[in-house]
N, C-alpha and C. Protein backbone atom coordinates (compact mmCIF):
# COMPACT_ATOMS: atom_id res chain seq x y z
N TYR A 1 44.96 11.77 3.67
CA TYR A 1 45.73 11.92 2.45
C TYR A 1 44.94 11.45 1.23
N ARG A 2 44.11 10.46 1.43
CA ARG A 2 43.31 9.96 0.32
C ARG A 2 42.33 11.02 -0.17
N VAL A 3 41.72 11.75 0.75
CA VAL A 3 40.79 12.82 0.37
C VAL A 3 41.54 13.90 -0.41
N ALA A 4 42.67 14.32 0.11
CA ALA A 4 43.47 15.35 -0.57
C ALA A 4 43.91 14.86 -1.94
N TYR A 5 44.26 13.60 -2.05
CA TYR A 5 44.67 13.02 -3.33
C TYR A 5 43.53 13.08 -4.35
N LEU A 6 42.32 12.74 -3.91
CA LEU A 6 41.16 12.79 -4.81
C LEU A 6 40.92 14.22 -5.31
N VAL A 7 41.03 15.17 -4.41
CA VAL A 7 40.76 16.56 -4.78
C VAL A 7 41.87 17.10 -5.69
N ARG A 8 43.12 16.85 -5.31
CA ARG A 8 44.24 17.41 -6.08
C ARG A 8 44.50 16.69 -7.39
N GLU A 9 44.59 15.38 -7.33
CA GLU A 9 45.02 14.60 -8.50
C GLU A 9 43.89 14.28 -9.47
N TYR A 10 42.70 14.08 -8.93
CA TYR A 10 41.58 13.70 -9.79
C TYR A 10 40.54 14.81 -9.94
N GLN A 11 40.83 15.96 -9.35
CA GLN A 11 39.93 17.12 -9.41
C GLN A 11 38.49 16.79 -8.99
N VAL A 12 38.36 15.91 -8.00
CA VAL A 12 37.04 15.61 -7.45
C VAL A 12 36.58 16.85 -6.67
N PRO A 13 35.41 17.37 -6.97
CA PRO A 13 34.92 18.52 -6.20
C PRO A 13 34.77 18.14 -4.73
N PRO A 14 35.29 18.95 -3.82
CA PRO A 14 35.23 18.60 -2.39
C PRO A 14 33.82 18.32 -1.89
N TRP A 15 32.82 19.00 -2.44
CA TRP A 15 31.45 18.81 -1.97
C TRP A 15 30.91 17.43 -2.32
N GLN A 16 31.62 16.66 -3.15
CA GLN A 16 31.18 15.30 -3.50
C GLN A 16 31.79 14.24 -2.58
N ILE A 17 32.52 14.68 -1.58
CA ILE A 17 33.21 13.75 -0.68
C ILE A 17 32.61 13.85 0.72
N VAL A 18 32.32 12.70 1.29
CA VAL A 18 31.94 12.62 2.70
C VAL A 18 32.95 11.71 3.38
N ALA A 19 33.51 12.19 4.48
CA ALA A 19 34.48 11.43 5.25
C ALA A 19 33.92 11.24 6.65
N VAL A 20 33.78 10.00 7.07
CA VAL A 20 33.20 9.70 8.38
C VAL A 20 34.18 8.96 9.26
N THR A 21 34.03 9.19 10.55
CA THR A 21 34.87 8.54 11.54
C THR A 21 34.01 8.27 12.77
N PHE A 22 34.61 7.70 13.80
CA PHE A 22 33.83 7.25 14.96
C PHE A 22 33.77 8.24 16.12
N THR A 23 34.79 9.07 16.27
CA THR A 23 34.81 9.95 17.43
C THR A 23 34.90 11.42 17.02
N ASN A 24 34.43 12.28 17.91
CA ASN A 24 34.53 13.72 17.66
C ASN A 24 35.99 14.15 17.54
N LYS A 25 36.84 13.55 18.37
CA LYS A 25 38.26 13.89 18.33
C LYS A 25 38.86 13.55 16.96
N ALA A 26 38.54 12.37 16.46
CA ALA A 26 39.07 11.96 15.15
C ALA A 26 38.53 12.87 14.05
N ALA A 27 37.27 13.28 14.15
CA ALA A 27 36.68 14.17 13.14
C ALA A 27 37.38 15.52 13.16
N ARG A 28 37.66 16.05 14.37
CA ARG A 28 38.38 17.33 14.47
C ARG A 28 39.77 17.22 13.85
N GLU A 29 40.47 16.14 14.18
CA GLU A 29 41.82 15.94 13.63
C GLU A 29 41.78 15.84 12.11
N MET A 30 40.78 15.13 11.58
CA MET A 30 40.64 14.98 10.14
C MET A 30 40.42 16.35 9.49
N LYS A 31 39.54 17.16 10.08
CA LYS A 31 39.27 18.49 9.54
C LYS A 31 40.54 19.34 9.55
N GLU A 32 41.29 19.29 10.66
CA GLU A 32 42.52 20.09 10.78
C GLU A 32 43.55 19.66 9.74
N ARG A 33 43.74 18.36 9.59
CA ARG A 33 44.72 17.86 8.62
C ARG A 33 44.32 18.23 7.20
N LEU A 34 43.06 18.09 6.90
CA LEU A 34 42.60 18.42 5.54
C LEU A 34 42.68 19.92 5.28
N HIS A 35 42.48 20.72 6.30
CA HIS A 35 42.63 22.16 6.12
C HIS A 35 44.10 22.50 5.81
N ARG A 36 45.01 21.82 6.50
CA ARG A 36 46.45 22.04 6.21
C ARG A 36 46.79 21.59 4.79
N LEU A 37 46.17 20.50 4.34
CA LEU A 37 46.48 19.96 3.01
C LEU A 37 45.77 20.70 1.88
N LEU A 38 44.55 21.12 2.11
CA LEU A 38 43.73 21.68 1.03
C LEU A 38 43.37 23.15 1.20
N GLY A 39 43.65 23.71 2.35
CA GLY A 39 43.29 25.11 2.59
C GLY A 39 41.79 25.30 2.58
N GLU A 40 41.35 26.38 1.95
CA GLU A 40 39.93 26.74 1.94
C GLU A 40 39.04 25.69 1.27
N GLN A 41 39.59 24.90 0.36
CA GLN A 41 38.79 23.85 -0.28
C GLN A 41 38.23 22.87 0.74
N SER A 42 38.93 22.71 1.85
CA SER A 42 38.50 21.74 2.86
C SER A 42 37.15 22.10 3.47
N ARG A 43 36.78 23.37 3.42
CA ARG A 43 35.49 23.80 4.00
C ARG A 43 34.30 23.24 3.23
N ARG A 44 34.51 22.81 2.02
CA ARG A 44 33.42 22.29 1.19
C ARG A 44 33.26 20.77 1.35
N LEU A 45 34.15 20.15 2.14
CA LEU A 45 34.05 18.72 2.41
C LEU A 45 32.99 18.48 3.48
N THR A 46 32.39 17.30 3.48
CA THR A 46 31.51 16.89 4.56
C THR A 46 32.30 15.90 5.41
N ILE A 47 32.62 16.33 6.63
CA ILE A 47 33.44 15.52 7.53
C ILE A 47 32.75 15.47 8.89
N GLY A 48 32.69 14.29 9.48
CA GLY A 48 32.11 14.19 10.81
C GLY A 48 32.01 12.76 11.28
N THR A 49 31.43 12.62 12.44
CA THR A 49 31.19 11.27 12.98
C THR A 49 29.97 10.69 12.27
N PHE A 50 29.82 9.38 12.37
CA PHE A 50 28.63 8.74 11.81
C PHE A 50 27.37 9.39 12.39
N HIS A 51 27.36 9.60 13.70
CA HIS A 51 26.18 10.16 14.34
C HIS A 51 25.90 11.59 13.88
N ALA A 52 26.94 12.41 13.78
CA ALA A 52 26.75 13.81 13.37
C ALA A 52 26.25 13.89 11.93
N ILE A 53 26.81 13.10 11.05
CA ILE A 53 26.39 13.13 9.65
C ILE A 53 24.97 12.60 9.51
N CYS A 54 24.64 11.53 10.23
CA CYS A 54 23.27 11.02 10.19
C CYS A 54 22.29 12.05 10.74
N ALA A 55 22.67 12.75 11.82
CA ALA A 55 21.79 13.79 12.38
C ALA A 55 21.56 14.90 11.36
N ARG A 56 22.62 15.29 10.65
CA ARG A 56 22.49 16.34 9.63
C ARG A 56 21.54 15.90 8.51
N ILE A 57 21.70 14.66 8.08
CA ILE A 57 20.83 14.13 7.02
C ILE A 57 19.38 14.07 7.51
N LEU A 58 19.18 13.59 8.73
CA LEU A 58 17.82 13.48 9.26
C LEU A 58 17.16 14.85 9.42
N ARG A 59 17.90 15.85 9.80
CA ARG A 59 17.31 17.18 9.91
C ARG A 59 16.91 17.69 8.53
N ARG A 60 17.77 17.45 7.55
CA ARG A 60 17.51 17.91 6.18
C ARG A 60 16.34 17.14 5.57
N GLU A 61 16.22 15.87 5.90
CA GLU A 61 15.20 14.98 5.30
C GLU A 61 14.13 14.58 6.32
N ALA A 62 13.88 15.44 7.28
CA ALA A 62 12.97 15.11 8.39
C ALA A 62 11.60 14.67 7.91
N GLU A 63 11.06 15.38 6.95
CA GLU A 63 9.72 15.04 6.47
C GLU A 63 9.68 13.62 5.91
N ALA A 64 10.66 13.29 5.08
CA ALA A 64 10.73 11.95 4.49
C ALA A 64 10.97 10.89 5.57
N ALA A 65 11.68 11.27 6.64
CA ALA A 65 11.97 10.34 7.73
C ALA A 65 10.82 10.25 8.73
N GLY A 66 9.85 11.13 8.60
CA GLY A 66 8.70 11.10 9.51
C GLY A 66 9.00 11.64 10.89
N ILE A 67 9.92 12.61 10.97
CA ILE A 67 10.29 13.20 12.27
C ILE A 67 10.31 14.71 12.15
N SER A 68 10.35 15.37 13.29
CA SER A 68 10.45 16.83 13.31
C SER A 68 11.90 17.23 12.98
N PRO A 69 12.08 18.25 12.16
CA PRO A 69 13.45 18.71 11.88
C PRO A 69 14.10 19.34 13.12
N ARG A 70 13.29 19.63 14.12
CA ARG A 70 13.80 20.24 15.35
C ARG A 70 14.01 19.20 16.46
N PHE A 71 14.17 17.94 16.08
CA PHE A 71 14.35 16.90 17.09
C PHE A 71 15.56 17.22 17.97
N ILE A 72 15.46 16.74 19.21
CA ILE A 72 16.60 16.86 20.11
C ILE A 72 17.24 15.49 20.25
N ILE A 73 18.50 15.49 20.60
CA ILE A 73 19.25 14.24 20.74
C ILE A 73 19.49 13.99 22.22
N TYR A 74 18.98 12.87 22.69
CA TYR A 74 19.15 12.52 24.09
C TYR A 74 20.50 11.86 24.31
N ASP A 75 21.18 12.30 25.35
CA ASP A 75 22.45 11.68 25.72
C ASP A 75 22.16 10.48 26.63
N SER A 76 23.21 9.85 27.11
CA SER A 76 23.03 8.62 27.89
C SER A 76 22.24 8.86 29.18
N GLY A 77 22.41 10.01 29.81
CA GLY A 77 21.64 10.32 31.01
C GLY A 77 20.16 10.48 30.70
N ASP A 78 19.87 11.18 29.62
CA ASP A 78 18.47 11.34 29.19
C ASP A 78 17.85 9.98 28.86
N GLN A 79 18.62 9.15 28.17
CA GLN A 79 18.13 7.82 27.78
C GLN A 79 17.78 6.99 29.01
N LEU A 80 18.64 7.05 30.02
CA LEU A 80 18.40 6.29 31.24
C LEU A 80 17.12 6.79 31.93
N SER A 81 16.92 8.09 31.96
CA SER A 81 15.70 8.65 32.55
C SER A 81 14.46 8.18 31.80
N VAL A 82 14.53 8.15 30.49
CA VAL A 82 13.39 7.69 29.69
C VAL A 82 13.14 6.20 29.92
N ALA A 83 14.20 5.42 30.01
CA ALA A 83 14.04 3.98 30.29
C ALA A 83 13.38 3.78 31.65
N ARG A 84 13.82 4.54 32.65
CA ARG A 84 13.20 4.45 33.98
C ARG A 84 11.70 4.78 33.90
N GLN A 85 11.38 5.85 33.16
CA GLN A 85 9.99 6.25 33.01
C GLN A 85 9.18 5.17 32.31
N ALA A 86 9.74 4.58 31.28
CA ALA A 86 9.04 3.51 30.55
C ALA A 86 8.75 2.33 31.48
N ILE A 87 9.72 1.97 32.29
CA ILE A 87 9.55 0.86 33.24
C ILE A 87 8.46 1.21 34.25
N ARG A 88 8.49 2.44 34.78
CA ARG A 88 7.44 2.88 35.72
C ARG A 88 6.07 2.88 35.06
N ASP A 89 6.01 3.41 33.83
CA ASP A 89 4.73 3.48 33.12
C ASP A 89 4.11 2.11 32.91
N LEU A 90 4.94 1.09 32.81
CA LEU A 90 4.45 -0.28 32.60
C LEU A 90 4.26 -1.03 33.93
N ASP A 91 4.40 -0.32 35.05
CA ASP A 91 4.25 -0.90 36.39
C ASP A 91 5.17 -2.10 36.60
N LEU A 92 6.40 -1.96 36.14
CA LEU A 92 7.39 -3.03 36.31
C LEU A 92 8.32 -2.70 37.46
N ASP A 93 8.88 -3.71 38.06
CA ASP A 93 9.84 -3.56 39.15
C ASP A 93 11.21 -3.23 38.54
N ASP A 94 11.73 -2.04 38.84
CA ASP A 94 13.02 -1.64 38.25
C ASP A 94 14.22 -2.36 38.86
N LYS A 95 13.96 -3.17 39.88
CA LYS A 95 15.04 -4.03 40.41
C LYS A 95 15.13 -5.31 39.57
N LEU A 96 13.99 -5.75 39.10
CA LEU A 96 13.93 -6.94 38.26
C LEU A 96 14.23 -6.60 36.80
N TYR A 97 13.77 -5.45 36.37
CA TYR A 97 14.00 -4.98 35.00
C TYR A 97 14.78 -3.68 35.08
N ARG A 98 16.06 -3.82 35.23
CA ARG A 98 16.94 -2.67 35.43
C ARG A 98 16.97 -1.77 34.19
N PRO A 99 16.85 -0.46 34.43
CA PRO A 99 16.84 0.48 33.29
C PRO A 99 18.05 0.33 32.36
N GLN A 100 19.24 0.19 32.91
CA GLN A 100 20.43 0.07 32.05
C GLN A 100 20.37 -1.23 31.24
N ALA A 101 19.91 -2.30 31.83
CA ALA A 101 19.79 -3.57 31.10
C ALA A 101 18.75 -3.44 29.99
N MET A 102 17.66 -2.75 30.26
CA MET A 102 16.63 -2.54 29.24
C MET A 102 17.17 -1.67 28.10
N LEU A 103 17.94 -0.63 28.47
CA LEU A 103 18.57 0.22 27.45
C LEU A 103 19.52 -0.59 26.57
N ASN A 104 20.26 -1.49 27.19
CA ASN A 104 21.18 -2.34 26.41
C ASN A 104 20.41 -3.20 25.41
N ARG A 105 19.27 -3.74 25.84
CA ARG A 105 18.43 -4.54 24.94
C ARG A 105 17.89 -3.68 23.79
N ILE A 106 17.45 -2.49 24.13
CA ILE A 106 16.92 -1.57 23.11
C ILE A 106 18.02 -1.22 22.12
N SER A 107 19.19 -0.91 22.62
CA SER A 107 20.31 -0.55 21.75
C SER A 107 20.68 -1.71 20.83
N GLN A 108 20.70 -2.90 21.36
CA GLN A 108 21.01 -4.07 20.55
C GLN A 108 19.98 -4.24 19.43
N ALA A 109 18.72 -4.07 19.77
CA ALA A 109 17.65 -4.19 18.76
C ALA A 109 17.83 -3.13 17.68
N LYS A 110 18.10 -1.90 18.09
CA LYS A 110 18.26 -0.82 17.12
C LYS A 110 19.48 -1.07 16.23
N ASN A 111 20.54 -1.59 16.81
CA ASN A 111 21.73 -1.90 16.01
C ASN A 111 21.47 -3.02 15.00
N GLU A 112 20.46 -3.83 15.28
CA GLU A 112 20.04 -4.87 14.33
C GLU A 112 18.90 -4.37 13.44
N LEU A 113 18.59 -3.06 13.57
CA LEU A 113 17.53 -2.39 12.78
C LEU A 113 16.15 -2.99 13.03
N LEU A 114 15.91 -3.37 14.28
CA LEU A 114 14.62 -3.95 14.66
C LEU A 114 13.76 -2.92 15.38
N SER A 115 12.55 -2.72 14.91
CA SER A 115 11.58 -1.89 15.62
C SER A 115 11.04 -2.73 16.79
N PRO A 116 10.32 -2.11 17.71
CA PRO A 116 9.74 -2.91 18.81
C PRO A 116 8.91 -4.09 18.29
N ALA A 117 8.13 -3.87 17.25
CA ALA A 117 7.27 -4.94 16.71
C ALA A 117 8.09 -6.08 16.09
N ASP A 118 9.31 -5.78 15.67
CA ASP A 118 10.16 -6.79 15.03
C ASP A 118 11.01 -7.60 16.00
N VAL A 119 11.03 -7.20 17.26
CA VAL A 119 11.86 -7.89 18.25
C VAL A 119 11.22 -9.23 18.59
N PRO A 120 11.96 -10.32 18.41
CA PRO A 120 11.38 -11.63 18.74
C PRO A 120 11.14 -11.75 20.25
N ALA A 121 10.02 -12.30 20.62
CA ALA A 121 9.68 -12.48 22.03
C ALA A 121 9.53 -13.97 22.30
N LEU A 122 10.66 -14.63 22.54
CA LEU A 122 10.65 -16.08 22.77
C LEU A 122 10.38 -16.42 24.23
N THR A 123 10.64 -15.45 25.12
CA THR A 123 10.42 -15.67 26.55
C THR A 123 9.60 -14.51 27.10
N TYR A 124 9.15 -14.67 28.33
CA TYR A 124 8.42 -13.58 28.97
C TYR A 124 9.31 -12.35 29.10
N ARG A 125 10.58 -12.57 29.46
CA ARG A 125 11.52 -11.45 29.60
C ARG A 125 11.68 -10.71 28.26
N ASP A 126 11.72 -11.46 27.17
CA ASP A 126 11.78 -10.84 25.84
C ASP A 126 10.54 -9.98 25.59
N GLU A 127 9.39 -10.49 25.98
CA GLU A 127 8.14 -9.76 25.79
C GLU A 127 8.15 -8.46 26.60
N VAL A 128 8.63 -8.54 27.82
CA VAL A 128 8.74 -7.34 28.65
C VAL A 128 9.71 -6.36 28.00
N GLY A 129 10.84 -6.85 27.53
CA GLY A 129 11.81 -6.00 26.84
C GLY A 129 11.20 -5.30 25.65
N ARG A 130 10.38 -6.02 24.90
CA ARG A 130 9.70 -5.44 23.74
C ARG A 130 8.74 -4.33 24.18
N ARG A 131 8.00 -4.57 25.25
CA ARG A 131 7.06 -3.55 25.73
C ARG A 131 7.80 -2.31 26.25
N VAL A 132 8.91 -2.53 26.94
CA VAL A 132 9.71 -1.39 27.43
C VAL A 132 10.25 -0.60 26.23
N TYR A 133 10.74 -1.30 25.23
CA TYR A 133 11.25 -0.65 24.01
C TYR A 133 10.14 0.17 23.35
N GLU A 134 8.97 -0.41 23.24
CA GLU A 134 7.84 0.29 22.62
C GLU A 134 7.49 1.56 23.40
N ARG A 135 7.42 1.44 24.72
CA ARG A 135 7.10 2.61 25.57
C ARG A 135 8.22 3.64 25.51
N TYR A 136 9.45 3.18 25.52
CA TYR A 136 10.63 4.05 25.42
C TYR A 136 10.55 4.89 24.15
N GLN A 137 10.23 4.25 23.02
CA GLN A 137 10.12 4.96 21.75
C GLN A 137 8.96 5.96 21.77
N ALA A 138 7.86 5.59 22.40
CA ALA A 138 6.71 6.49 22.50
C ALA A 138 7.09 7.74 23.31
N LEU A 139 7.85 7.54 24.37
CA LEU A 139 8.28 8.68 25.18
C LEU A 139 9.25 9.58 24.40
N LEU A 140 10.15 8.98 23.64
CA LEU A 140 11.04 9.78 22.80
C LEU A 140 10.22 10.60 21.81
N ALA A 141 9.26 9.96 21.16
CA ALA A 141 8.43 10.64 20.16
C ALA A 141 7.65 11.79 20.79
N GLN A 142 7.14 11.59 21.99
CA GLN A 142 6.40 12.66 22.68
C GLN A 142 7.25 13.90 22.87
N ASN A 143 8.54 13.68 23.02
CA ASN A 143 9.47 14.79 23.27
C ASN A 143 10.23 15.22 22.02
N SER A 144 9.83 14.72 20.86
CA SER A 144 10.55 15.00 19.61
C SER A 144 12.04 14.75 19.79
N ALA A 145 12.35 13.59 20.33
CA ALA A 145 13.73 13.25 20.64
C ALA A 145 14.16 11.96 19.95
N LEU A 146 15.44 11.88 19.68
CA LEU A 146 16.07 10.66 19.18
C LEU A 146 17.24 10.35 20.09
N ASP A 147 17.54 9.07 20.24
CA ASP A 147 18.77 8.72 20.96
C ASP A 147 19.86 8.46 19.93
N PHE A 148 21.08 8.18 20.38
CA PHE A 148 22.20 7.99 19.46
C PHE A 148 21.96 6.85 18.48
N ASP A 149 21.39 5.76 18.97
CA ASP A 149 21.11 4.62 18.08
C ASP A 149 20.06 4.98 17.03
N ASP A 150 19.08 5.82 17.42
CA ASP A 150 18.07 6.25 16.46
C ASP A 150 18.68 7.01 15.29
N LEU A 151 19.71 7.80 15.56
CA LEU A 151 20.33 8.58 14.48
C LEU A 151 20.80 7.65 13.37
N LEU A 152 21.44 6.56 13.75
CA LEU A 152 21.94 5.62 12.75
C LEU A 152 20.80 4.81 12.13
N MET A 153 19.93 4.28 12.98
CA MET A 153 18.84 3.43 12.50
C MET A 153 17.90 4.21 11.58
N ARG A 154 17.53 5.41 11.99
CA ARG A 154 16.59 6.21 11.20
C ARG A 154 17.20 6.61 9.85
N ALA A 155 18.51 6.89 9.83
CA ALA A 155 19.16 7.23 8.57
C ALA A 155 19.16 6.02 7.63
N VAL A 156 19.47 4.85 8.17
CA VAL A 156 19.44 3.64 7.35
C VAL A 156 18.04 3.39 6.81
N MET A 157 17.05 3.50 7.68
CA MET A 157 15.67 3.27 7.26
C MET A 157 15.22 4.32 6.23
N LEU A 158 15.66 5.54 6.41
CA LEU A 158 15.33 6.60 5.44
C LEU A 158 15.83 6.20 4.05
N PHE A 159 17.07 5.75 3.98
CA PHE A 159 17.63 5.37 2.68
C PHE A 159 16.99 4.11 2.13
N ARG A 160 16.66 3.17 2.99
CA ARG A 160 16.01 1.93 2.53
C ARG A 160 14.61 2.18 1.99
N GLU A 161 13.87 3.04 2.68
CA GLU A 161 12.46 3.22 2.36
C GLU A 161 12.18 4.34 1.36
N ASN A 162 13.17 5.16 1.05
CA ASN A 162 12.97 6.30 0.16
C ASN A 162 14.02 6.30 -0.95
N PRO A 163 13.74 5.60 -2.04
CA PRO A 163 14.72 5.52 -3.13
C PRO A 163 15.12 6.88 -3.69
N GLU A 164 14.20 7.84 -3.69
CA GLU A 164 14.53 9.17 -4.22
C GLU A 164 15.58 9.85 -3.34
N VAL A 165 15.38 9.75 -2.04
CA VAL A 165 16.33 10.36 -1.10
C VAL A 165 17.68 9.64 -1.21
N ARG A 166 17.64 8.32 -1.22
CA ARG A 166 18.87 7.53 -1.34
C ARG A 166 19.64 7.92 -2.61
N THR A 167 18.94 7.98 -3.73
CA THR A 167 19.58 8.33 -5.00
C THR A 167 20.18 9.73 -4.96
N ALA A 168 19.48 10.66 -4.34
CA ALA A 168 19.99 12.04 -4.24
C ALA A 168 21.31 12.06 -3.48
N TYR A 169 21.40 11.30 -2.39
CA TYR A 169 22.65 11.27 -1.61
C TYR A 169 23.74 10.48 -2.33
N GLN A 170 23.38 9.45 -3.06
CA GLN A 170 24.38 8.72 -3.84
C GLN A 170 24.99 9.62 -4.91
N ARG A 171 24.17 10.47 -5.49
CA ARG A 171 24.68 11.42 -6.50
C ARG A 171 25.49 12.52 -5.84
N ARG A 172 25.02 12.99 -4.70
CA ARG A 172 25.71 14.08 -3.99
C ARG A 172 27.08 13.64 -3.49
N TYR A 173 27.16 12.42 -2.99
CA TYR A 173 28.40 11.90 -2.39
C TYR A 173 28.86 10.61 -3.08
N PRO A 174 29.41 10.70 -4.27
CA PRO A 174 29.91 9.48 -4.90
C PRO A 174 31.18 8.95 -4.22
N PHE A 175 31.78 9.77 -3.35
CA PHE A 175 32.99 9.37 -2.66
C PHE A 175 32.73 9.36 -1.15
N VAL A 176 32.71 8.17 -0.57
CA VAL A 176 32.48 7.99 0.85
C VAL A 176 33.73 7.33 1.42
N LEU A 177 34.37 8.04 2.34
CA LEU A 177 35.58 7.51 2.95
C LEU A 177 35.34 7.32 4.44
N VAL A 178 35.69 6.14 4.92
CA VAL A 178 35.49 5.81 6.32
C VAL A 178 36.84 5.64 6.98
N ASP A 179 37.06 6.39 8.06
CA ASP A 179 38.33 6.33 8.80
C ASP A 179 38.22 5.25 9.85
């Protein structure tokens, strides 16, 4: 209703609004409701999940982000396979360094916006985790792939490191609504 209010009452152009939510289901529901409220104007809104909108931005700004615009997105199964490969490549015992546990560490680091080099290594296990993360990222890069955490992290880094890109999106979307 807030989006419809902005468009109807304040004549905000729909293309200046981005509405984000957490799940695909919620994004679909939001699109359907806004279509009922705004009709064809709703097609000019940018609506989606955080991951989908970040993926769209990264494809559009791939060069500035230092990635291929044709990147693929690895799902949880793909991520687990890459983690297993990284552990094998480092000649580590996957019983001692479980792929899912390593993925959890990598995800936590990415959510804190830490690259492999930025991960503190206070213990040997931390150092191994850092090496697995580094190898994991190298394998993703070899395949022109990003995981779900990369979509968010890379978008944040893109905006932090590229003031021109950040400013362009701030101008494009002066209205950001989070469900």
